[in-house]
Amino acid sequence: MTHALNIVWNPSEGIDLGFFIIRFYSLMFVIAFGLGWYIMKHIFERENISIEKLDSLFVWTVLATLIGARLGHVFFYDWEYYRNNIAEIILPFRFNPKFQFTGYTGLASHGAAISIIVAMYFFSKKVLQKPLLWILDRVVIPVASGAIFVRLGNFFNSEIVGKETTSSFGIRFIRDHFTPREAVNATQLSTPKEAYNAIATNPQYSNLLEMVPAKHPAQLYEAFCYIFVFAALFFLYWKTDARKKSGFLFGLFLVLLFTVRIVVESVKESQGGFESDLGNILSTGQWLSIPFIIVGLYFVITAKKTTEI
């Protein structure tokens, strides 16, 4: 019989500068977009594209990612709530049952993928003046690298956790099990930070720690797999003629990334959505991934070599 390693995950919110806290989740997004800009800079240089257009691409991609991910969460995972709280779609506040600052807590990668494709269509026509598949074949490389850091951000936030497990991979996510209020009430300490730290390290609260089940670190599984998706695309672009086959890299990205998503979803806790309406045969994330894989296979199979490099 295997046992969990008893890893207790209780990270700080971020890097405390005294006057400001750099939250790890936000930092991962900054790294993702920064690395993406750096990768595309080298691609544009290789393709003799003006770097000025790269700045426009950066803005288009950032806006498309954030807006699409937000709307994806709203419509795919939590429409029953937001249909009655429309203002909260665009405002970082919750009004029901009481006013509360929440930030933008819901982001869905499927929504981001759709939004990026749409944004690249307009970018290719209005700014780049090249075929849509030309930019899609190249932008998927930094997108794949960014996906790694987004999932690491989820890990720091103790969100999108996996199902309970007794395997050696299990991790106790304290902040997933106890809400801030629950942690304070259980320990009678004054702040959530003190309460979480006490549960994680103070023997006096070992009974509370035992209540936290070990779960699969699904975010790390996904991030690890995305490293290979990025490596495959990066290698094919730089070391082979794959970039000359219009639609091939884009299609391969869809097939690889969303196949990973389907596999890892099997060990994730339910994120909600419409899965119950379809008999809980698959999760919402798995259902949403299937069309992307089908589209990706189409582009991989039909990709033809072009004369434009």
C-alpha atoms as a PDB file:
ATOM      1  CA  MET A   1       0.000   0.000   0.000  1.00  0.00           C
ATOM      2  CA  THR A   2       1.364   3.435  -0.941  1.00  0.00           C
ATOM      3  CA  HIS A   3       1.161   6.540   1.194  1.00  0.00           C
ATOM      4  CA  ALA A   4       1.260  10.237   0.446  1.00  0.00           C
ATOM      5  CA  LEU A   5       4.517  12.045   1.085  1.00  0.00           C
ATOM      6  CA  ASN A   6       2.724  14.308   3.563  1.00  0.00           C
ATOM      7  CA  ILE A   7       3.783  17.462   1.748  1.00  0.00           C
ATOM      8  CA  VAL A   8       1.886  20.394   3.251  1.00  0.00           C
ATOM      9  CA  TRP A   9       1.321  23.248   0.799  1.00  0.00           C
ATOM     10  CA  ASN A  10       0.778  26.583   2.478  1.00  0.00           C
ATOM     11  CA  PRO A  11       2.630  29.229   0.443  1.00  0.00           C
ATOM     12  CA  SER A  12       2.632  32.915   1.239  1.00  0.00           C
ATOM     13  CA  GLU A  13       0.542  35.159  -0.977  1.00  0.00           C
ATOM     14  CA  GLY A  14       3.616  36.553  -2.648  1.00  0.00           C
ATOM     15  CA  ILE A  15       6.767  38.613  -2.214  1.00  0.00           C
ATOM     16  CA  ASP A  16       6.134  41.220   0.489  1.00  0.00           C
ATOM     17  CA  LEU A  17       7.916  44.483  -0.320  1.00  0.00           C
ATOM     18  CA  GLY A  18       6.445  46.207   2.725  1.00  0.00           C
ATOM     19  CA  PHE A  19       4.370  48.716   0.794  1.00  0.00           C
ATOM     20  CA  PHE A  20       3.234  46.214  -1.811  1.00  0.00           C
ATOM     21  CA  ILE A  21       2.866  42.452  -2.257  1.00  0.00           C
ATOM     22  CA  ILE A  22       3.854  40.900  -5.583  1.00  0.00           C
ATOM     23  CA  ARG A  23       1.434  38.007  -5.712  1.00  0.00           C
ATOM     24  CA  PHE A  24       2.855  34.790  -7.115  1.00  0.00           C
ATOM     25  CA  TYR A  25      -0.152  34.250  -9.385  1.00  0.00           C
ATOM     26  CA  SER A  26       0.272  37.695 -10.941  1.00  0.00           C
ATOM     27  CA  LEU A  27       4.034  37.161 -11.158  1.00  0.00           C
ATOM     28  CA  MET A  28       3.498  33.949 -13.143  1.00  0.00           C
ATOM     29  CA  PHE A  29       1.345  35.865 -15.636  1.00  0.00           C
ATOM     30  CA  VAL A  30       4.033  38.540 -15.976  1.00  0.00           C
ATOM     31  CA  ILE A  31       6.668  35.857 -16.622  1.00  0.00           C
ATOM     32  CA  ALA A  32       4.374  34.120 -19.123  1.00  0.00           C
ATOM     33  CA  PHE A  33       3.757  37.277 -21.148  1.00  0.00           C
ATOM     34  CA  GLY A  34       7.369  38.444 -20.826  1.00  0.00           C
ATOM     35  CA  LEU A  35       8.788  35.140 -22.021  1.00  0.00           C
ATOM     36  CA  GLY A  36       6.207  35.068 -24.797  1.00  0.00           C
ATOM     37  CA  TRP A  37       7.331  38.499 -26.010  1.00  0.00           C
ATOM     38  CA  TYR A  38      10.970  37.351 -25.968  1.00  0.00           C
ATOM     39  CA  ILE A  39      10.213  34.200 -27.983  1.00  0.00           C
ATOM     40  CA  MET A  40       8.151  36.083 -30.554  1.00  0.00           C
ATOM     41  CA  LYS A  41      10.871  38.717 -30.884  1.00  0.00           C
ATOM     42  CA  HIS A  42      13.273  36.059 -32.143  1.00  0.00           C
ATOM     43  CA  ILE A  43      10.602  34.604 -34.423  1.00  0.00           C
ATOM     44  CA  PHE A  44       9.853  38.032 -35.916  1.00  0.00           C
ATOM     45  CA  GLU A  45      13.560  38.655 -36.453  1.00  0.00           C
ATOM     46  CA  ARG A  46      13.911  35.331 -38.238  1.00  0.00           C
ATOM     47  CA  GLU A  47      10.884  36.093 -40.420  1.00  0.00           C
ATOM     48  CA  ASN A  48      12.018  39.703 -41.092  1.00  0.00           C
ATOM     49  CA  ILE A  49       8.900  41.175 -39.492  1.00  0.00           C
ATOM     50  CA  SER A  50       9.074  44.663 -37.989  1.00  0.00           C
ATOM     51  CA  ILE A  51       9.491  44.630 -34.209  1.00  0.00           C
ATOM     52  CA  GLU A  52       6.995  47.499 -34.068  1.00  0.00           C
ATOM     53  CA  LYS A  53       4.322  44.997 -35.032  1.00  0.00           C
ATOM     54  CA  LEU A  54       5.431  42.807 -32.130  1.00  0.00           C
ATOM     55  CA  ASP A  55       4.356  45.506 -29.685  1.00  0.00           C
ATOM     56  CA  SER A  56       0.878  45.472 -31.236  1.00  0.00           C
ATOM     57  CA  LEU A  57       0.812  41.678 -31.082  1.00  0.00           C
ATOM     58  CA  PHE A  58       1.712  41.798 -27.396  1.00  0.00           C
ATOM     59  CA  VAL A  59      -1.181  44.141 -26.597  1.00  0.00           C
ATOM     60  CA  TRP A  60      -3.656  42.141 -28.673  1.00  0.00           C
ATOM     61  CA  THR A  61      -2.578  38.867 -27.044  1.00  0.00           C
ATOM     62  CA  VAL A  62      -2.685  40.152 -23.459  1.00  0.00           C
ATOM     63  CA  LEU A  63      -6.169  41.633 -23.899  1.00  0.00           C
ATOM     64  CA  ALA A  64      -7.464  38.566 -25.732  1.00  0.00           C
ATOM     65  CA  THR A  65      -6.101  36.215 -23.075  1.00  0.00           C
ATOM     66  CA  LEU A  66      -7.557  38.065 -20.101  1.00  0.00           C
ATOM     67  CA  ILE A  67     -10.925  38.917 -21.663  1.00  0.00           C
ATOM     68  CA  GLY A  68     -11.375  35.498 -23.239  1.00  0.00           C
ATOM     69  CA  ALA A  69     -10.361  33.611 -20.096  1.00  0.00           C
ATOM     70  CA  ARG A  70     -12.781  35.666 -18.019  1.00  0.00           C
ATOM     71  CA  LEU A  71     -15.715  35.224 -20.390  1.00  0.00           C
ATOM     72  CA  GLY A  72     -14.867  31.550 -20.781  1.00  0.00           C
ATOM     73  CA  HIS A  73     -15.250  31.031 -17.046  1.00  0.00           C
ATOM     74  CA  VAL A  74     -18.476  33.016 -16.957  1.00  0.00           C
ATOM     75  CA  PHE A  75     -20.216  31.192 -19.810  1.00  0.00           C
ATOM     76  CA  PHE A  76     -18.699  27.703 -19.560  1.00  0.00           C
ATOM     77  CA  TYR A  77     -18.465  27.220 -15.809  1.00  0.00           C
ATOM     78  CA  ASP A  78     -20.630  29.637 -13.826  1.00  0.00           C
ATOM     79  CA  TRP A  79     -23.351  31.104 -16.026  1.00  0.00           C
ATOM     80  CA  GLU A  80     -26.090  30.196 -13.547  1.00  0.00           C
ATOM     81  CA  TYR A  81     -24.580  32.684 -11.099  1.00  0.00           C
ATOM     82  CA  TYR A  82     -23.513  35.420 -13.499  1.00  0.00           C
ATOM     83  CA  ARG A  83     -26.780  35.480 -15.418  1.00  0.00           C
ATOM     84  CA  ASN A  84     -28.261  37.088 -12.301  1.00  0.00           C
ATOM     85  CA  ASN A  85     -25.174  39.194 -11.515  1.00  0.00           C
ATOM     86  CA  ILE A  86     -24.178  40.626 -14.891  1.00  0.00           C
ATOM     87  CA  ALA A  87     -22.178  43.538 -13.445  1.00  0.00           C
ATOM     88  CA  GLU A  88     -19.806  41.129 -11.696  1.00  0.00           C
ATOM     89  CA  ILE A  89     -18.609  39.822 -15.055  1.00  0.00           C
ATOM     90  CA  ILE A  90     -16.567  42.981 -15.591  1.00  0.00           C
ATOM     91  CA  LEU A  91     -16.233  44.279 -12.009  1.00  0.00           C
ATOM     92  CA  PRO A  92     -13.848  42.725  -9.447  1.00  0.00           C
ATOM     93  CA  PHE A  93     -16.550  42.885  -6.778  1.00  0.00           C
ATOM     94  CA  ARG A  94     -19.250  40.592  -5.482  1.00  0.00           C
ATOM     95  CA  PHE A  95     -22.529  42.157  -4.381  1.00  0.00           C
ATOM     96  CA  ASN A  96     -24.337  39.002  -3.280  1.00  0.00           C
ATOM     97  CA  PRO A  97     -24.848  38.108  -0.442  1.00  0.00           C
ATOM     98  CA  LYS A  98     -22.787  41.156   0.603  1.00  0.00           C
ATOM     99  CA  PHE A  99     -20.353  43.582  -0.989  1.00  0.00           C
ATOM    100  CA  GLN A 100     -16.891  42.032  -1.269  1.00  0.00           C
ATOM    101  CA  PHE A 101     -13.745  42.675  -3.297  1.00  0.00           C
ATOM    102  CA  THR A 102     -12.929  39.405  -5.053  1.00  0.00           C
ATOM    103  CA  GLY A 103     -10.641  40.292  -7.926  1.00  0.00           C
ATOM    104  CA  TYR A 104     -11.078  38.290 -11.121  1.00  0.00           C
ATOM    105  CA  THR A 105     -11.132  34.826  -9.586  1.00  0.00           C
ATOM    106  CA  GLY A 106     -12.500  32.939 -12.583  1.00  0.00           C
ATOM    107  CA  LEU A 107     -10.368  32.373 -15.701  1.00  0.00           C
ATOM    108  CA  ALA A 108     -10.849  29.536 -18.201  1.00  0.00           C
ATOM    109  CA  SER A 109      -8.175  28.485 -20.684  1.00  0.00           C
ATOM    110  CA  HIS A 110     -10.714  27.332 -23.298  1.00  0.00           C
ATOM    111  CA  GLY A 111     -12.149  30.843 -23.418  1.00  0.00           C
ATOM    112  CA  ALA A 112      -8.647  32.277 -23.755  1.00  0.00           C
ATOM    113  CA  ALA A 113      -7.892  29.919 -26.661  1.00  0.00           C
ATOM    114  CA  ILE A 114     -11.003  31.002 -28.571  1.00  0.00           C
ATOM    115  CA  SER A 115     -10.345  34.677 -27.882  1.00  0.00           C
ATOM    116  CA  ILE A 116      -6.705  34.483 -28.987  1.00  0.00           C
ATOM    117  CA  ILE A 117      -7.713  32.853 -32.284  1.00  0.00           C
ATOM    118  CA  VAL A 118     -10.270  35.594 -32.917  1.00  0.00           C
ATOM    119  CA  ALA A 119      -7.759  38.310 -31.979  1.00  0.00           C
ATOM    120  CA  MET A 120      -5.136  36.806 -34.302  1.00  0.00           C
ATOM    121  CA  TYR A 121      -7.631  36.936 -37.159  1.00  0.00           C
ATOM    122  CA  PHE A 122      -8.024  40.687 -36.818  1.00  0.00           C
ATOM    123  CA  PHE A 123      -4.321  41.190 -36.061  1.00  0.00           C
ATOM    124  CA  SER A 124      -3.310  39.288 -39.199  1.00  0.00           C
ATOM    125  CA  LYS A 125      -5.672  41.377 -41.343  1.00  0.00           C
ATOM    126  CA  LYS A 126      -5.237  44.829 -39.855  1.00  0.00           C
ATOM    127  CA  VAL A 127      -1.611  44.845 -38.664  1.00  0.00           C
ATOM    128  CA  LEU A 128       0.446  41.931 -39.926  1.00  0.00           C
ATOM    129  CA  GLN A 129      -1.157  41.591 -43.355  1.00  0.00           C
ATOM    130  CA  LYS A 130      -0.359  37.912 -43.563  1.00  0.00           C
ATOM    131  CA  PRO A 131      -2.581  34.807 -43.588  1.00  0.00           C
ATOM    132  CA  LEU A 132      -4.215  33.894 -40.291  1.00  0.00           C
ATOM    133  CA  LEU A 133      -2.502  30.496 -40.135  1.00  0.00           C
ATOM    134  CA  TRP A 134       0.886  32.179 -40.503  1.00  0.00           C
ATOM    135  CA  ILE A 135       0.572  33.962 -37.167  1.00  0.00           C
ATOM    136  CA  LEU A 136      -1.262  31.066 -35.487  1.00  0.00           C
ATOM    137  CA  ASP A 137       1.547  28.658 -36.406  1.00  0.00           C
ATOM    138  CA  ARG A 138       3.983  30.924 -34.599  1.00  0.00           C
ATOM    139  CA  VAL A 139       2.049  32.395 -31.688  1.00  0.00           C
ATOM    140  CA  VAL A 140       1.231  28.929 -30.327  1.00  0.00           C
ATOM    141  CA  ILE A 141       4.877  28.524 -29.315  1.00  0.00           C
ATOM    142  CA  PRO A 142       4.866  31.320 -26.694  1.00  0.00           C
ATOM    143  CA  VAL A 143       1.285  30.413 -25.759  1.00  0.00           C
ATOM    144  CA  ALA A 144       2.456  26.898 -24.897  1.00  0.00           C
ATOM    145  CA  SER A 145       5.262  28.298 -22.744  1.00  0.00           C
ATOM    146  CA  GLY A 146       2.825  30.651 -21.039  1.00  0.00           C
ATOM    147  CA  ALA A 147       0.499  27.775 -20.162  1.00  0.00           C
ATOM    148  CA  ILE A 148       3.277  26.315 -17.997  1.00  0.00           C
ATOM    149  CA  PHE A 149       3.482  29.399 -15.805  1.00  0.00           C
ATOM    150  CA  VAL A 150      -0.280  29.888 -15.591  1.00  0.00           C
ATOM    151  CA  ARG A 151      -0.598  26.408 -14.074  1.00  0.00           C
ATOM    152  CA  LEU A 152       2.261  27.162 -11.678  1.00  0.00           C
ATOM    153  CA  GLY A 153       0.275  30.244 -10.662  1.00  0.00           C
ATOM    154  CA  ASN A 154      -2.716  27.996  -9.972  1.00  0.00           C
ATOM    155  CA  PHE A 155      -0.461  25.838  -7.797  1.00  0.00           C
ATOM    156  CA  PHE A 156       0.672  28.842  -5.753  1.00  0.00           C
ATOM    157  CA  ASN A 157      -2.999  29.783  -5.340  1.00  0.00           C
ATOM    158  CA  SER A 158      -3.928  26.240  -4.259  1.00  0.00           C
ATOM    159  CA  GLU A 159      -6.649  26.181  -6.909  1.00  0.00           C
ATOM    160  CA  ILE A 160      -7.696  23.661  -9.587  1.00  0.00           C
ATOM    161  CA  VAL A 161      -6.537  20.876  -7.276  1.00  0.00           C
ATOM    162  CA  GLY A 162      -6.849  17.172  -7.967  1.00  0.00           C
ATOM    163  CA  LYS A 163      -8.933  14.473  -6.382  1.00  0.00           C
ATOM    164  CA  GLU A 164      -8.003  12.862  -3.073  1.00  0.00           C
ATOM    165  CA  THR A 165      -5.238  10.288  -3.301  1.00  0.00           C
ATOM    166  CA  THR A 166      -3.114   7.966  -1.177  1.00  0.00           C
ATOM    167  CA  SER A 167      -0.376   7.868  -3.810  1.00  0.00           C
ATOM    168  CA  SER A 168       3.080   9.267  -3.178  1.00  0.00           C
ATOM    169  CA  PHE A 169       2.161  12.341  -5.225  1.00  0.00           C
ATOM    170  CA  GLY A 170      -0.450  13.581  -2.764  1.00  0.00           C
ATOM    171  CA  ILE A 171      -0.160  17.092  -1.331  1.00  0.00           C
ATOM    172  CA  ARG A 172      -2.174  18.655   1.490  1.00  0.00           C
ATOM    173  CA  PHE A 173      -3.518  21.961   0.173  1.00  0.00           C
ATOM    174  CA  ILE A 174      -4.417  23.805   3.379  1.00  0.00           C
ATOM    175  CA  ARG A 175      -5.814  26.877   1.632  1.00  0.00           C
ATOM    176  CA  ASP A 176      -8.010  24.718  -0.559  1.00  0.00           C
ATOM    177  CA  HIS A 177      -9.577  22.938   2.429  1.00  0.00           C
ATOM    178  CA  PHE A 178     -10.035  25.885   4.816  1.00  0.00           C
ATOM    179  CA  THR A 179     -11.439  29.252   3.785  1.00  0.00           C
ATOM    180  CA  PRO A 180      -9.800  32.241   5.534  1.00  0.00           C
ATOM    181  CA  ARG A 181     -12.782  32.570   7.869  1.00  0.00           C
ATOM    182  CA  GLU A 182     -12.795  28.845   8.680  1.00  0.00           C
ATOM    183  CA  ALA A 183      -9.076  28.913   9.467  1.00  0.00           C
ATOM    184  CA  VAL A 184      -9.469  31.903  11.805  1.00  0.00           C
ATOM    185  CA  ASN A 185     -12.488  30.413  13.550  1.00  0.00           C
ATOM    186  CA  ALA A 186     -10.803  27.034  14.012  1.00  0.00           C
ATOM    187  CA  THR A 187      -7.614  28.466  15.510  1.00  0.00           C
ATOM    188  CA  GLN A 188      -8.999  31.598  17.183  1.00  0.00           C
ATOM    189  CA  LEU A 189      -6.074  33.555  15.725  1.00  0.00           C
ATOM    190  CA  SER A 190      -6.541  37.082  14.459  1.00  0.00           C
ATOM    191  CA  THR A 191      -5.617  36.825  10.771  1.00  0.00           C
ATOM    192  CA  PRO A 192      -5.948  34.150   8.071  1.00  0.00           C
ATOM    193  CA  LYS A 193      -2.178  34.215   7.512  1.00  0.00           C
ATOM    194  CA  GLU A 194      -1.486  33.397  11.172  1.00  0.00           C
ATOM    195  CA  ALA A 195      -4.211  30.741  11.139  1.00  0.00           C
ATOM    196  CA  TYR A 196      -2.923  29.003   8.025  1.00  0.00           C
ATOM    197  CA  ASN A 197       0.662  29.016   9.315  1.00  0.00           C
ATOM    198  CA  ALA A 198      -0.445  27.603  12.660  1.00  0.00           C
ATOM    199  CA  ILE A 199      -2.346  24.756  11.033  1.00  0.00           C
ATOM    200  CA  ALA A 200       0.654  23.937   8.857  1.00  0.00           C
ATOM    201  CA  THR A 201       3.393  24.091  11.523  1.00  0.00           C
ATOM    202  CA  ASN A 202       2.016  24.181  15.067  1.00  0.00           C
ATOM    203  CA  PRO A 203       1.591  20.731  16.708  1.00  0.00           C
ATOM    204  CA  GLN A 204      -1.246  22.227  18.733  1.00  0.00           C
ATOM    205  CA  TYR A 205      -3.338  22.216  15.552  1.00  0.00           C
ATOM    206  CA  SER A 206      -2.244  18.813  14.233  1.00  0.00           C
ATOM    207  CA  ASN A 207      -5.858  17.644  14.445  1.00  0.00           C
ATOM    208  CA  LEU A 208      -6.816  20.363  11.947  1.00  0.00           C
ATOM    209  CA  LEU A 209      -3.988  19.380   9.625  1.00  0.00           C
ATOM    210  CA  GLU A 210      -5.174  15.774   9.694  1.00  0.00           C
ATOM    211  CA  MET A 211      -8.527  16.982   8.390  1.00  0.00           C
ATOM    212  CA  VAL A 212      -6.832  18.149   5.181  1.00  0.00           C
ATOM    213  CA  PRO A 213      -6.802  15.258   2.689  1.00  0.00           C
ATOM    214  CA  ALA A 214      -3.887  14.652   0.343  1.00  0.00           C
ATOM    215  CA  LYS A 215      -4.817  15.477  -3.244  1.00  0.00           C
ATOM    216  CA  HIS A 216      -3.226  15.172  -6.649  1.00  0.00           C
ATOM    217  CA  PRO A 217      -1.265  18.328  -7.577  1.00  0.00           C
ATOM    218  CA  ALA A 218      -3.082  18.442 -10.914  1.00  0.00           C
ATOM    219  CA  GLN A 219      -1.649  21.894 -11.670  1.00  0.00           C
ATOM    220  CA  LEU A 220       1.900  20.489 -11.562  1.00  0.00           C
ATOM    221  CA  TYR A 221       0.958  17.508 -13.717  1.00  0.00           C
ATOM    222  CA  GLU A 222      -0.410  19.870 -16.337  1.00  0.00           C
ATOM    223  CA  ALA A 223       2.521  22.292 -16.149  1.00  0.00           C
ATOM    224  CA  PHE A 224       4.996  19.406 -16.510  1.00  0.00           C
ATOM    225  CA  CYS A 225       3.229  18.063 -19.597  1.00  0.00           C
ATOM    226  CA  TYR A 226       3.070  21.530 -21.149  1.00  0.00           C
ATOM    227  CA  ILE A 227       6.857  21.694 -21.004  1.00  0.00           C
ATOM    228  CA  PHE A 228       6.950  18.879 -23.567  1.00  0.00           C
ATOM    229  CA  VAL A 229       4.244  20.531 -25.693  1.00  0.00           C
ATOM    230  CA  PHE A 230       6.320  23.713 -25.789  1.00  0.00           C
ATOM    231  CA  ALA A 231       9.560  21.804 -26.461  1.00  0.00           C
ATOM    232  CA  ALA A 232       8.000  19.909 -29.371  1.00  0.00           C
ATOM    233  CA  LEU A 233       6.660  23.060 -31.026  1.00  0.00           C
ATOM    234  CA  PHE A 234       9.874  24.991 -30.386  1.00  0.00           C
ATOM    235  CA  PHE A 235      12.006  22.224 -31.901  1.00  0.00           C
ATOM    236  CA  LEU A 236       9.786  21.764 -34.949  1.00  0.00           C
ATOM    237  CA  TYR A 237       9.758  25.486 -35.694  1.00  0.00           C
ATOM    238  CA  TRP A 238      13.480  26.108 -35.299  1.00  0.00           C
ATOM    239  CA  LYS A 239      14.991  22.797 -36.456  1.00  0.00           C
ATOM    240  CA  THR A 240      12.641  21.518 -39.172  1.00  0.00           C
ATOM    241  CA  ASP A 241      10.567  22.794 -42.075  1.00  0.00           C
ATOM    242  CA  ALA A 242       7.312  22.400 -40.115  1.00  0.00           C
ATOM    243  CA  ARG A 243       6.779  26.170 -40.144  1.00  0.00           C
ATOM    244  CA  LYS A 244       6.405  25.995 -43.929  1.00  0.00           C
ATOM    245  CA  LYS A 245       3.364  23.709 -43.632  1.00  0.00           C
ATOM    246  CA  SER A 246       0.519  26.148 -43.162  1.00  0.00           C
ATOM    247  CA  GLY A 247      -1.573  25.180 -40.142  1.00  0.00           C
ATOM    248  CA  PHE A 248       0.581  22.251 -39.007  1.00  0.00           C
ATOM    249  CA  LEU A 249       2.080  23.766 -35.851  1.00  0.00           C
ATOM    250  CA  PHE A 250      -1.235  25.344 -34.896  1.00  0.00           C
ATOM    251  CA  GLY A 251      -3.035  22.041 -35.323  1.00  0.00           C
ATOM    252  CA  LEU A 252      -0.371  20.110 -33.441  1.00  0.00           C
ATOM    253  CA  PHE A 253      -0.597  22.593 -30.577  1.00  0.00           C
ATOM    254  CA  LEU A 254      -4.348  22.055 -30.287  1.00  0.00           C
ATOM    255  CA  VAL A 255      -3.987  18.270 -30.373  1.00  0.00           C
ATOM    256  CA  LEU A 256      -1.153  18.076 -27.828  1.00  0.00           C
ATOM    257  CA  LEU A 257      -2.297  20.716 -25.358  1.00  0.00           C
ATOM    258  CA  PHE A 258      -5.925  19.660 -25.183  1.00  0.00           C
ATOM    259  CA  THR A 259      -5.042  15.957 -25.071  1.00  0.00           C
ATOM    260  CA  VAL A 260      -3.003  16.785 -21.987  1.00  0.00           C
ATOM    261  CA  ARG A 261      -5.992  18.659 -20.647  1.00  0.00           C
ATOM    262  CA  ILE A 262      -8.312  15.675 -21.141  1.00  0.00           C
ATOM    263  CA  VAL A 263      -5.887  13.303 -19.419  1.00  0.00           C
ATOM    264  CA  VAL A 264      -5.165  15.547 -16.420  1.00  0.00           C
ATOM    265  CA  GLU A 265      -8.857  16.401 -16.019  1.00  0.00           C
ATOM    266  CA  SER A 266      -9.402  12.757 -15.040  1.00  0.00           C
ATOM    267  CA  VAL A 267      -7.656  13.397 -11.702  1.00  0.00           C
ATOM    268  CA  LYS A 268      -9.002  16.931 -11.119  1.00  0.00           C
ATOM    269  CA  GLU A 269     -11.812  17.848  -8.816  1.00  0.00           C
ATOM    270  CA  SER A 270     -14.894  19.062 -10.658  1.00  0.00           C
ATOM    271  CA  GLN A 271     -14.737  22.709 -11.654  1.00  0.00           C
ATOM    272  CA  GLY A 272     -18.471  22.853 -12.285  1.00  0.00           C
ATOM    273  CA  GLY A 273     -20.024  23.871 -15.562  1.00  0.00           C
ATOM    274  CA  PHE A 274     -22.417  21.825 -17.677  1.00  0.00           C
ATOM    275  CA  GLU A 275     -20.964  18.352 -17.031  1.00  0.00           C
ATOM    276  CA  SER A 276     -23.881  17.282 -14.837  1.00  0.00           C
ATOM    277  CA  ASP A 277     -26.302  18.079 -17.688  1.00  0.00           C
ATOM    278  CA  LEU A 278     -24.451  15.491 -19.790  1.00  0.00           C
ATOM    279  CA  GLY A 279     -24.523  12.749 -17.174  1.00  0.00           C
ATOM    280  CA  ASN A 280     -21.098  13.452 -15.657  1.00  0.00           C
ATOM    281  CA  ILE A 281     -19.562  11.157 -18.264  1.00  0.00           C
ATOM    282  CA  LEU A 282     -16.770  13.691 -18.774  1.00  0.00           C
ATOM    283  CA  SER A 283     -15.846  16.906 -17.012  1.00  0.00           C
ATOM    284  CA  THR A 284     -16.691  20.283 -18.518  1.00  0.00           C
ATOM    285  CA  GLY A 285     -13.013  20.774 -19.354  1.00  0.00           C
ATOM    286  CA  GLN A 286     -12.889  17.446 -21.184  1.00  0.00           C
ATOM    287  CA  TRP A 287     -16.017  18.168 -23.201  1.00  0.00           C
ATOM    288  CA  LEU A 288     -14.632  21.568 -24.199  1.00  0.00           C
ATOM    289  CA  SER A 289     -11.283  20.038 -25.208  1.00  0.00           C
ATOM    290  CA  ILE A 290     -12.728  17.555 -27.708  1.00  0.00           C
ATOM    291  CA  PRO A 291     -13.669  20.143 -30.398  1.00  0.00           C
ATOM    292  CA  PHE A 292     -10.195  21.703 -30.168  1.00  0.00           C
ATOM    293  CA  ILE A 293      -8.557  18.307 -30.730  1.00  0.00           C
ATOM    294  CA  ILE A 294     -10.798  17.580 -33.731  1.00  0.00           C
ATOM    295  CA  VAL A 295      -9.978  20.973 -35.259  1.00  0.00           C
ATOM    296  CA  GLY A 296      -6.294  20.402 -34.542  1.00  0.00           C
ATOM    297  CA  LEU A 297      -6.297  16.992 -36.254  1.00  0.00           C
ATOM    298  CA  TYR A 298      -7.919  18.584 -39.303  1.00  0.00           C
ATOM    299  CA  PHE A 299      -5.149  21.169 -39.638  1.00  0.00           C
ATOM    300  CA  VAL A 300      -2.385  18.615 -39.041  1.00  0.00           C
ATOM    301  CA  ILE A 301      -3.779  16.279 -41.699  1.00  0.00           C
ATOM    302  CA  THR A 302      -4.511  18.984 -44.289  1.00  0.00           C
ATOM    303  CA  ALA A 303      -1.362  21.069 -43.743  1.00  0.00           C
ATOM    304  CA  LYS A 304       0.381  21.829 -47.008  1.00  0.00           C
ATOM    305  CA  LYS A 305       3.821  23.224 -47.631  1.00  0.00           C
ATOM    306  CA  THR A 306       3.801  26.860 -48.702  1.00  0.00           C
ATOM    307  CA  THR A 307       6.394  28.899 -50.530  1.00  0.00           C
ATOM    308  CA  GLU A 308       6.109  31.754 -48.015  1.00  0.00           C
ATOM    309  CA  ILE A 309       8.511  31.367 -45.087  1.00  0.00           C
END
